[in-house]
Amino acid sequence: MLLCADNTYYTGVTNNVPRRLKEHEDAIDPNCYTAKRLPVKLLYQEKIKGPMDAIMVEKRLKKWSRKKKEALIKGELELLPLLSKKDFSKRKNKKN
């Protein structure tokens, strides 16, 4: 997971982290999310057993809230279940 210059997170999959990070830094794909958000900083990486599993993890992480991603980055794994629960107390009663 990368932190972009605009303070957003980018999540991706690679089998070679140093090479892929350099590709992002060099903006080899001008249409890539990170190309217009340089510089980037590597904040989190995880070794996954295979490419299909890695893609599944990537898709799951992309759906996470910013707070949940930050808990993962900080290693605060005990917070992840709490940050997964939706807070319905803020919803307005739509029946009225």
PDB file of N, CA and C in Angstrom:
ATOM      1  N   MET A   1       0.849  -1.161   0.000  1.00  0.00           N
ATOM      2  CA  MET A   1       0.000   0.000   0.000  1.00  0.00           C
ATOM      3  C   MET A   1       0.900   1.230   0.000  1.00  0.00           C
ATOM      4  N   LEU A   2       0.611   2.124  -0.916  1.00  0.00           N
ATOM      5  CA  LEU A   2       1.402   3.336  -1.054  1.00  0.00           C
ATOM      6  C   LEU A   2       0.635   4.531  -0.534  1.00  0.00           C
ATOM      7  N   LEU A   3       1.351   5.480   0.044  1.00  0.00           N
ATOM      8  CA  LEU A   3       0.784   6.786   0.373  1.00  0.00           C
ATOM      9  C   LEU A   3       1.194   7.729  -0.743  1.00  0.00           C
ATOM     10  N   CYS A   4       0.210   8.344  -1.364  1.00  0.00           N
ATOM     11  CA  CYS A   4       0.469   9.268  -2.458  1.00  0.00           C
ATOM     12  C   CYS A   4       0.631  10.690  -1.927  1.00  0.00           C
ATOM     13  N   ALA A   5       1.193  11.558  -2.764  1.00  0.00           N
ATOM     14  CA  ALA A   5       1.443  12.947  -2.368  1.00  0.00           C
ATOM     15  C   ALA A   5       0.160  13.691  -2.000  1.00  0.00           C
ATOM     16  N   ASP A   6      -0.970  13.268  -2.546  1.00  0.00           N
ATOM     17  CA  ASP A   6      -2.245  13.923  -2.229  1.00  0.00           C
ATOM     18  C   ASP A   6      -2.915  13.305  -1.003  1.00  0.00           C
ATOM     19  N   ASN A   7      -2.156  12.472  -0.270  1.00  0.00           N
ATOM     20  CA  ASN A   7      -2.610  11.849   0.980  1.00  0.00           C
ATOM     21  C   ASN A   7      -3.660  10.759   0.759  1.00  0.00           C
ATOM     22  N   THR A   8      -3.713  10.199  -0.432  1.00  0.00           N
ATOM     23  CA  THR A   8      -4.580   9.058  -0.697  1.00  0.00           C
ATOM     24  C   THR A   8      -3.728   7.797  -0.668  1.00  0.00           C
ATOM     25  N   TYR A   9      -4.403   6.658  -0.577  1.00  0.00           N
ATOM     26  CA  TYR A   9      -3.716   5.373  -0.578  1.00  0.00           C
ATOM     27  C   TYR A   9      -3.924   4.672  -1.910  1.00  0.00           C
ATOM     28  N   TYR A  10      -2.878   3.989  -2.346  1.00  0.00           N
ATOM     29  CA  TYR A  10      -2.951   3.157  -3.544  1.00  0.00           C
ATOM     30  C   TYR A  10      -2.626   1.733  -3.122  1.00  0.00           C
ATOM     31  N   THR A  11      -3.436   0.789  -3.535  1.00  0.00           N
ATOM     32  CA  THR A  11      -3.225  -0.619  -3.230  1.00  0.00           C
ATOM     33  C   THR A  11      -3.062  -1.379  -4.534  1.00  0.00           C
ATOM     34  N   GLY A  12      -2.041  -2.209  -4.598  1.00  0.00           N
ATOM     35  CA  GLY A  12      -1.797  -2.967  -5.813  1.00  0.00           C
ATOM     36  C   GLY A  12      -1.165  -4.317  -5.513  1.00  0.00           C
ATOM     37  N   VAL A  13      -0.932  -5.080  -6.571  1.00  0.00           N
ATOM     38  CA  VAL A  13      -0.349  -6.415  -6.477  1.00  0.00           C
ATOM     39  C   VAL A  13       0.893  -6.462  -7.353  1.00  0.00           C
ATOM     40  N   THR A  14       1.943  -7.091  -6.845  1.00  0.00           N
ATOM     41  CA  THR A  14       3.153  -7.303  -7.629  1.00  0.00           C
ATOM     42  C   THR A  14       3.913  -8.501  -7.082  1.00  0.00           C
ATOM     43  N   ASN A  15       4.765  -9.065  -7.903  1.00  0.00           N
ATOM     44  CA  ASN A  15       5.648 -10.120  -7.424  1.00  0.00           C
ATOM     45  C   ASN A  15       7.066  -9.594  -7.200  1.00  0.00           C
ATOM     46  N   ASN A  16       7.235  -8.266  -7.364  1.00  0.00           N
ATOM     47  CA  ASN A  16       8.535  -7.633  -7.186  1.00  0.00           C
ATOM     48  C   ASN A  16       8.314  -6.209  -6.679  1.00  0.00           C
ATOM     49  N   VAL A  17       8.303  -6.055  -5.372  1.00  0.00           N
ATOM     50  CA  VAL A  17       7.968  -4.756  -4.768  1.00  0.00           C
ATOM     51  C   VAL A  17       8.959  -3.657  -5.168  1.00  0.00           C
ATOM     52  N   PRO A  18      10.277  -3.868  -5.056  1.00  0.00           N
ATOM     53  CA  PRO A  18      11.195  -2.785  -5.431  1.00  0.00           C
ATOM     54  C   PRO A  18      11.037  -2.321  -6.887  1.00  0.00           C
ATOM     55  N   ARG A  19      10.873  -3.299  -7.805  1.00  0.00           N
ATOM     56  CA  ARG A  19      10.683  -2.942  -9.213  1.00  0.00           C
ATOM     57  C   ARG A  19       9.400  -2.144  -9.416  1.00  0.00           C
ATOM     58  N   ARG A  20       8.312  -2.622  -8.813  1.00  0.00           N
ATOM     59  CA  ARG A  20       7.006  -1.951  -9.006  1.00  0.00           C
ATOM     60  C   ARG A  20       6.999  -0.564  -8.384  1.00  0.00           C
ATOM     61  N   LEU A  21       7.636  -0.413  -7.229  1.00  0.00           N
ATOM     62  CA  LEU A  21       7.722   0.904  -6.593  1.00  0.00           C
ATOM     63  C   LEU A  21       8.471   1.875  -7.512  1.00  0.00           C
ATOM     64  N   LYS A  22       9.564   1.416  -8.107  1.00  0.00           N
ATOM     65  CA  LYS A  22      10.330   2.262  -9.040  1.00  0.00           C
ATOM     66  C   LYS A  22       9.480   2.627 -10.252  1.00  0.00           C
ATOM     67  N   GLU A  23       8.689   1.682 -10.749  1.00  0.00           N
ATOM     68  CA  GLU A  23       7.804   1.977 -11.876  1.00  0.00           C
ATOM     69  C   GLU A  23       6.803   3.067 -11.516  1.00  0.00           C
ATOM     70  N   HIS A  24       6.273   3.008 -10.306  1.00  0.00           N
ATOM     71  CA  HIS A  24       5.365   4.067  -9.863  1.00  0.00           C
ATOM     72  C   HIS A  24       6.114   5.392  -9.761  1.00  0.00           C
ATOM     73  N   GLU A  25       7.279   5.372  -9.131  1.00  0.00           N
ATOM     74  CA  GLU A  25       8.065   6.598  -8.951  1.00  0.00           C
ATOM     75  C   GLU A  25       8.461   7.227 -10.280  1.00  0.00           C
ATOM     76  N   ASP A  26       8.724   6.395 -11.289  1.00  0.00           N
ATOM     77  CA  ASP A  26       9.102   6.880 -12.618  1.00  0.00           C
ATOM     78  C   ASP A  26       7.887   7.195 -13.490  1.00  0.00           C
ATOM     79  N   ALA A  27       6.692   6.918 -12.976  1.00  0.00           N
ATOM     80  CA  ALA A  27       5.432   7.175 -13.700  1.00  0.00           C
ATOM     81  C   ALA A  27       5.489   6.590 -15.107  1.00  0.00           C
ATOM     82  N   ILE A  28       5.896   5.306 -15.204  1.00  0.00           N
ATOM     83  CA  ILE A  28       6.023   4.697 -16.533  1.00  0.00           C
ATOM     84  C   ILE A  28       4.685   4.573 -17.250  1.00  0.00           C
ATOM     85  N   ASP A  29       3.601   4.515 -16.478  1.00  0.00           N
ATOM     86  CA  ASP A  29       2.258   4.531 -17.072  1.00  0.00           C
ATOM     87  C   ASP A  29       1.612   5.854 -16.683  1.00  0.00           C
ATOM     88  N   PRO A  30       1.581   6.828 -17.594  1.00  0.00           N
ATOM     89  CA  PRO A  30       1.034   8.148 -17.247  1.00  0.00           C
ATOM     90  C   PRO A  30      -0.445   8.120 -16.870  1.00  0.00           C
ATOM     91  N   ASN A  31      -1.138   7.023 -17.175  1.00  0.00           N
ATOM     92  CA  ASN A  31      -2.554   6.905 -16.817  1.00  0.00           C
ATOM     93  C   ASN A  31      -2.764   6.231 -15.470  1.00  0.00           C
ATOM     94  N   CYS A  32      -1.693   5.754 -14.857  1.00  0.00           N
ATOM     95  CA  CYS A  32      -1.781   5.077 -13.561  1.00  0.00           C
ATOM     96  C   CYS A  32      -2.217   6.064 -12.479  1.00  0.00           C
ATOM     97  N   TYR A  33      -2.961   5.565 -11.507  1.00  0.00           N
ATOM     98  CA  TYR A  33      -3.464   6.397 -10.402  1.00  0.00           C
ATOM     99  C   TYR A  33      -2.348   7.215  -9.761  1.00  0.00           C
ATOM    100  N   THR A  34      -1.177   6.605  -9.579  1.00  0.00           N
ATOM    101  CA  THR A  34      -0.096   7.275  -8.855  1.00  0.00           C
ATOM    102  C   THR A  34       0.661   8.296  -9.697  1.00  0.00           C
ATOM    103  N   ALA A  35       0.571   8.242 -11.010  1.00  0.00           N
ATOM    104  CA  ALA A  35       1.383   9.088 -11.891  1.00  0.00           C
ATOM    105  C   ALA A  35       1.210  10.575 -11.606  1.00  0.00           C
ATOM    106  N   LYS A  36       0.006  10.970 -11.275  1.00  0.00           N
ATOM    107  CA  LYS A  36      -0.269  12.388 -10.999  1.00  0.00           C
ATOM    108  C   LYS A  36      -0.272  12.686  -9.497  1.00  0.00           C
ATOM    109  N   ARG A  37       0.180  11.707  -8.702  1.00  0.00           N
ATOM    110  CA  ARG A  37       0.146  11.850  -7.246  1.00  0.00           C
ATOM    111  C   ARG A  37       1.522  11.553  -6.632  1.00  0.00           C
ATOM    112  N   LEU A  38       2.558  11.900  -7.358  1.00  0.00           N
ATOM    113  CA  LEU A  38       3.925  11.644  -6.903  1.00  0.00           C
ATOM    114  C   LEU A  38       4.411  12.757  -5.992  1.00  0.00           C
ATOM    115  N   PRO A  39       5.302  12.440  -5.083  1.00  0.00           N
ATOM    116  CA  PRO A  39       5.930  11.150  -4.858  1.00  0.00           C
ATOM    117  C   PRO A  39       5.022  10.207  -4.064  1.00  0.00           C
ATOM    118  N   VAL A  40       5.377   8.929  -4.086  1.00  0.00           N
ATOM    119  CA  VAL A  40       4.668   7.915  -3.306  1.00  0.00           C
ATOM    120  C   VAL A  40       5.629   7.318  -2.286  1.00  0.00           C
ATOM    121  N   LYS A  41       5.040   6.761  -1.232  1.00  0.00           N
ATOM    122  CA  LYS A  41       5.841   6.135  -0.173  1.00  0.00           C
ATOM    123  C   LYS A  41       5.216   4.795   0.173  1.00  0.00           C
ATOM    124  N   LEU A  42       6.030   3.752   0.199  1.00  0.00           N
ATOM    125  CA  LEU A  42       5.547   2.423   0.558  1.00  0.00           C
ATOM    126  C   LEU A  42       5.293   2.373   2.056  1.00  0.00           C
ATOM    127  N   LEU A  43       4.046   2.064   2.446  1.00  0.00           N
ATOM    128  CA  LEU A  43       3.682   2.007   3.860  1.00  0.00           C
ATOM    129  C   LEU A  43       3.415   0.603   4.358  1.00  0.00           C
ATOM    130  N   TYR A  44       2.954  -0.267   3.467  1.00  0.00           N
ATOM    131  CA  TYR A  44       2.551  -1.607   3.905  1.00  0.00           C
ATOM    132  C   TYR A  44       2.724  -2.585   2.759  1.00  0.00           C
ATOM    133  N   GLN A  45       3.242  -3.759   3.107  1.00  0.00           N
ATOM    134  CA  GLN A  45       3.284  -4.851   2.138  1.00  0.00           C
ATOM    135  C   GLN A  45       3.060  -6.158   2.875  1.00  0.00           C
ATOM    136  N   GLU A  46       2.511  -7.089   2.160  1.00  0.00           N
ATOM    137  CA  GLU A  46       2.195  -8.393   2.734  1.00  0.00           C
ATOM    138  C   GLU A  46       2.504  -9.453   1.691  1.00  0.00           C
ATOM    139  N   LYS A  47       3.164 -10.506   2.112  1.00  0.00           N
ATOM    140  CA  LYS A  47       3.448 -11.602   1.194  1.00  0.00           C
ATOM    141  C   LYS A  47       2.256 -12.551   1.191  1.00  0.00           C
ATOM    142  N   ILE A  48       1.719 -12.791   0.011  1.00  0.00           N
ATOM    143  CA  ILE A  48       0.556 -13.650  -0.177  1.00  0.00           C
ATOM    144  C   ILE A  48       1.013 -14.864  -0.983  1.00  0.00           C
ATOM    145  N   LYS A  49       0.411 -16.021  -0.696  1.00  0.00           N
ATOM    146  CA  LYS A  49       0.924 -17.280  -1.263  1.00  0.00           C
ATOM    147  C   LYS A  49       0.791 -17.433  -2.773  1.00  0.00           C
ATOM    148  N   GLY A  50      -0.114 -16.779  -3.406  1.00  0.00           N
ATOM    149  CA  GLY A  50      -0.281 -16.942  -4.851  1.00  0.00           C
ATOM    150  C   GLY A  50      -0.965 -15.735  -5.468  1.00  0.00           C
ATOM    151  N   PRO A  51      -0.895 -15.589  -6.791  1.00  0.00           N
ATOM    152  CA  PRO A  51      -1.458 -14.412  -7.453  1.00  0.00           C
ATOM    153  C   PRO A  51      -2.967 -14.259  -7.293  1.00  0.00           C
ATOM    154  N   MET A  52      -3.706 -15.343  -7.328  1.00  0.00           N
ATOM    155  CA  MET A  52      -5.164 -15.230  -7.181  1.00  0.00           C
ATOM    156  C   MET A  52      -5.525 -14.770  -5.771  1.00  0.00           C
ATOM    157  N   ASP A  53      -4.838 -15.317  -4.773  1.00  0.00           N
ATOM    158  CA  ASP A  53      -5.070 -14.878  -3.390  1.00  0.00           C
ATOM    159  C   ASP A  53      -4.681 -13.412  -3.222  1.00  0.00           C
ATOM    160  N   ALA A  54      -3.581 -13.005  -3.856  1.00  0.00           N
ATOM    161  CA  ALA A  54      -3.130 -11.617  -3.761  1.00  0.00           C
ATOM    162  C   ALA A  54      -4.171 -10.666  -4.355  1.00  0.00           C
ATOM    163  N   ILE A  55      -4.747 -11.045  -5.461  1.00  0.00           N
ATOM    164  CA  ILE A  55      -5.776 -10.211  -6.088  1.00  0.00           C
ATOM    165  C   ILE A  55      -7.010 -10.120  -5.192  1.00  0.00           C
ATOM    166  N   MET A  56      -7.380 -11.226  -4.560  1.00  0.00           N
ATOM    167  CA  MET A  56      -8.529 -11.205  -3.635  1.00  0.00           C
ATOM    168  C   MET A  56      -8.259 -10.272  -2.466  1.00  0.00           C
ATOM    169  N   VAL A  57      -7.048 -10.321  -1.901  1.00  0.00           N
ATOM    170  CA  VAL A  57      -6.693  -9.440  -0.785  1.00  0.00           C
ATOM    171  C   VAL A  57      -6.716  -7.987  -1.252  1.00  0.00           C
ATOM    172  N   GLU A  58      -6.152  -7.715  -2.417  1.00  0.00           N
ATOM    173  CA  GLU A  58      -6.136  -6.353  -2.954  1.00  0.00           C
ATOM    174  C   GLU A  58      -7.558  -5.804  -3.091  1.00  0.00           C
ATOM    175  N   LYS A  59      -8.455  -6.597  -3.662  1.00  0.00           N
ATOM    176  CA  LYS A  59      -9.840  -6.144  -3.840  1.00  0.00           C
ATOM    177  C   LYS A  59     -10.508  -5.862  -2.504  1.00  0.00           C
ATOM    178  N   ARG A  60     -10.224  -6.703  -1.506  1.00  0.00           N
ATOM    179  CA  ARG A  60     -10.799  -6.496  -0.176  1.00  0.00           C
ATOM    180  C   ARG A  60     -10.266  -5.202   0.446  1.00  0.00           C
ATOM    181  N   LEU A  61      -8.956  -4.988   0.368  1.00  0.00           N
ATOM    182  CA  LEU A  61      -8.352  -3.786   0.965  1.00  0.00           C
ATOM    183  C   LEU A  61      -8.858  -2.513   0.303  1.00  0.00           C
ATOM    184  N   LYS A  62      -9.076  -2.557  -0.998  1.00  0.00           N
ATOM    185  CA  LYS A  62      -9.550  -1.360  -1.706  1.00  0.00           C
ATOM    186  C   LYS A  62     -10.930  -0.915  -1.216  1.00  0.00           C
ATOM    187  N   LYS A  63     -11.694  -1.821  -0.649  1.00  0.00           N
ATOM    188  CA  LYS A  63     -13.031  -1.484  -0.143  1.00  0.00           C
ATOM    189  C   LYS A  63     -12.998  -0.960   1.292  1.00  0.00           C
ATOM    190  N   TRP A  64     -11.873  -1.102   1.962  1.00  0.00           N
ATOM    191  CA  TRP A  64     -11.774  -0.702   3.357  1.00  0.00           C
ATOM    192  C   TRP A  64     -11.797   0.810   3.505  1.00  0.00           C
ATOM    193  N   SER A  65     -12.254   1.259   4.657  1.00  0.00           N
ATOM    194  CA  SER A  65     -12.231   2.683   4.984  1.00  0.00           C
ATOM    195  C   SER A  65     -10.793   3.124   5.225  1.00  0.00           C
ATOM    196  N   ARG A  66     -10.569   4.396   5.174  1.00  0.00           N
ATOM    197  CA  ARG A  66      -9.247   4.955   5.452  1.00  0.00           C
ATOM    198  C   ARG A  66      -8.771   4.569   6.853  1.00  0.00           C
ATOM    199  N   LYS A  67      -9.675   4.660   7.841  1.00  0.00           N
ATOM    200  CA  LYS A  67      -9.308   4.319   9.227  1.00  0.00           C
ATOM    201  C   LYS A  67      -8.890   2.859   9.343  1.00  0.00           C
ATOM    202  N   LYS A  68      -9.573   1.998   8.649  1.00  0.00           N
ATOM    203  CA  LYS A  68      -9.242   0.575   8.714  1.00  0.00           C
ATOM    204  C   LYS A  68      -7.887   0.307   8.040  1.00  0.00           C
ATOM    205  N   LYS A  69      -7.632   0.957   6.905  1.00  0.00           N
ATOM    206  CA  LYS A  69      -6.336   0.820   6.246  1.00  0.00           C
ATOM    207  C   LYS A  69      -5.219   1.316   7.158  1.00  0.00           C
ATOM    208  N   GLU A  70      -5.450   2.424   7.835  1.00  0.00           N
ATOM    209  CA  GLU A  70      -4.426   2.978   8.719  1.00  0.00           C
ATOM    210  C   GLU A  70      -4.161   2.072   9.919  1.00  0.00           C
ATOM    211  N   ALA A  71      -5.183   1.408  10.421  1.00  0.00           N
ATOM    212  CA  ALA A  71      -4.981   0.449  11.508  1.00  0.00           C
ATOM    213  C   ALA A  71      -4.107  -0.712  11.027  1.00  0.00           C
ATOM    214  N   LEU A  72      -4.350  -1.184   9.824  1.00  0.00           N
ATOM    215  CA  LEU A  72      -3.531  -2.257   9.251  1.00  0.00           C
ATOM    216  C   LEU A  72      -2.081  -1.795   9.092  1.00  0.00           C
ATOM    217  N   ILE A  73      -1.890  -0.618   8.556  1.00  0.00           N
ATOM    218  CA  ILE A  73      -0.552  -0.069   8.350  1.00  0.00           C
ATOM    219  C   ILE A  73       0.200   0.036   9.676  1.00  0.00           C
ATOM    220  N   LYS A  74      -0.499   0.459  10.727  1.00  0.00           N
ATOM    221  CA  LYS A  74       0.121   0.628  12.051  1.00  0.00           C
ATOM    222  C   LYS A  74       0.273  -0.694  12.801  1.00  0.00           C
ATOM    223  N   GLY A  75      -0.280  -1.767  12.253  1.00  0.00           N
ATOM    224  CA  GLY A  75      -0.202  -3.058  12.921  1.00  0.00           C
ATOM    225  C   GLY A  75      -1.196  -3.202  14.053  1.00  0.00           C
ATOM    226  N   GLU A  76      -2.217  -2.372  14.074  1.00  0.00           N
ATOM    227  CA  GLU A  76      -3.251  -2.401  15.104  1.00  0.00           C
ATOM    228  C   GLU A  76      -4.367  -3.357  14.671  1.00  0.00           C
ATOM    229  N   LEU A  77      -3.986  -4.618  14.542  1.00  0.00           N
ATOM    230  CA  LEU A  77      -4.893  -5.621  13.994  1.00  0.00           C
ATOM    231  C   LEU A  77      -6.124  -5.848  14.868  1.00  0.00           C
ATOM    232  N   GLU A  78      -6.001  -5.611  16.158  1.00  0.00           N
ATOM    233  CA  GLU A  78      -7.141  -5.786  17.053  1.00  0.00           C
ATOM    234  C   GLU A  78      -8.265  -4.791  16.757  1.00  0.00           C
ATOM    235  N   LEU A  79      -7.956  -3.687  16.083  1.00  0.00           N
ATOM    236  CA  LEU A  79      -8.973  -2.686  15.747  1.00  0.00           C
ATOM    237  C   LEU A  79      -9.762  -3.037  14.485  1.00  0.00           C
ATOM    238  N   LEU A  80      -9.227  -3.925  13.673  1.00  0.00           N
ATOM    239  CA  LEU A  80      -9.871  -4.219  12.386  1.00  0.00           C
ATOM    240  C   LEU A  80     -11.319  -4.683  12.524  1.00  0.00           C
ATOM    241  N   PRO A  81     -11.638  -5.613  13.446  1.00  0.00           N
ATOM    242  CA  PRO A  81     -13.052  -6.006  13.571  1.00  0.00           C
ATOM    243  C   PRO A  81     -13.955  -4.843  14.000  1.00  0.00           C
ATOM    244  N   LEU A  82     -13.450  -3.984  14.862  1.00  0.00           N
ATOM    245  CA  LEU A  82     -14.251  -2.835  15.309  1.00  0.00           C
ATOM    246  C   LEU A  82     -14.504  -1.857  14.168  1.00  0.00           C
ATOM    247  N   LEU A  83     -13.509  -1.683  13.317  1.00  0.00           N
ATOM    248  CA  LEU A  83     -13.633  -0.749  12.198  1.00  0.00           C
ATOM    249  C   LEU A  83     -14.436  -1.338  11.045  1.00  0.00           C
ATOM    250  N   SER A  84     -14.780  -2.610  11.144  1.00  0.00           N
ATOM    251  CA  SER A  84     -15.586  -3.264  10.112  1.00  0.00           C
ATOM    252  C   SER A  84     -17.074  -3.066  10.327  1.00  0.00           C
ATOM    253  N   LYS A  85     -17.445  -2.695  11.530  1.00  0.00           N
ATOM    254  CA  LYS A  85     -18.861  -2.586  11.854  1.00  0.00           C
ATOM    255  C   LYS A  85     -19.396  -1.232  11.426  1.00  0.00           C
ATOM    256  N   LYS A  86     -20.536  -1.264  10.776  1.00  0.00           N
ATOM    257  CA  LYS A  86     -21.174  -0.024  10.355  1.00  0.00           C
ATOM    258  C   LYS A  86     -21.855   0.631  11.538  1.00  0.00           C
ATOM    259  N   ASP A  87     -21.823   1.964  11.548  1.00  0.00           N
ATOM    260  CA  ASP A  87     -22.477   2.735  12.601  1.00  0.00           C
ATOM    261  C   ASP A  87     -23.802   3.258  12.055  1.00  0.00           C
ATOM    262  N   PHE A  88     -24.882   2.575  12.390  1.00  0.00           N
ATOM    263  CA  PHE A  88     -26.197   2.966  11.893  1.00  0.00           C
ATOM    264  C   PHE A  88     -26.846   4.055  12.750  1.00  0.00           C
ATOM    265  N   SER A  89     -26.206   4.428  13.850  1.00  0.00           N
ATOM    266  CA  SER A  89     -26.789   5.447  14.726  1.00  0.00           C
ATOM    267  C   SER A  89     -26.821   6.813  14.057  1.00  0.00           C
ATOM    268  N   LYS A  90     -25.992   7.026  13.038  1.00  0.00           N
ATOM    269  CA  LYS A  90     -25.932   8.315  12.350  1.00  0.00           C
ATOM    270  C   LYS A  90     -26.934   8.410  11.206  1.00  0.00           C
ATOM    271  N   ARG A  91     -27.554   7.299  10.860  1.00  0.00           N
ATOM    272  CA  ARG A  91     -28.514   7.297   9.754  1.00  0.00           C
ATOM    273  C   ARG A  91     -29.820   7.971  10.183  1.00  0.00           C
ATOM    274  N   LYS A  92     -30.395   8.696   9.279  1.00  0.00           N
ATOM    275  CA  LYS A  92     -31.675   9.345   9.545  1.00  0.00           C
ATOM    276  C   LYS A  92     -32.790   8.336   9.312  1.00  0.00           C
ATOM    277  N   ASN A  93     -33.838   8.474  10.056  1.00  0.00           N
ATOM    278  CA  ASN A  93     -34.993   7.612   9.885  1.00  0.00           C
ATOM    279  C   ASN A  93     -35.708   8.026   8.605  1.00  0.00           C
ATOM    280  N   LYS A  94     -35.652   7.202   7.586  1.00  0.00           N
ATOM    281  CA  LYS A  94     -36.212   7.548   6.278  1.00  0.00           C
ATOM    282  C   LYS A  94     -37.711   7.280   6.184  1.00  0.00           C
ATOM    283  N   LYS A  95     -38.306   6.703   7.233  1.00  0.00           N
ATOM    284  CA  LYS A  95     -39.731   6.409   7.194  1.00  0.00           C
ATOM    285  C   LYS A  95     -40.563   7.659   7.443  1.00  0.00           C
ATOM    286  N   ASN A  96     -39.980   8.672   8.045  1.00  0.00           N
ATOM    287  CA  ASN A  96     -40.744   9.899   8.361  1.00  0.00           C
ATOM    288  C   ASN A  96     -40.756  10.861   7.233  1.00  0.00           C
TER     289      ASN A  96
END
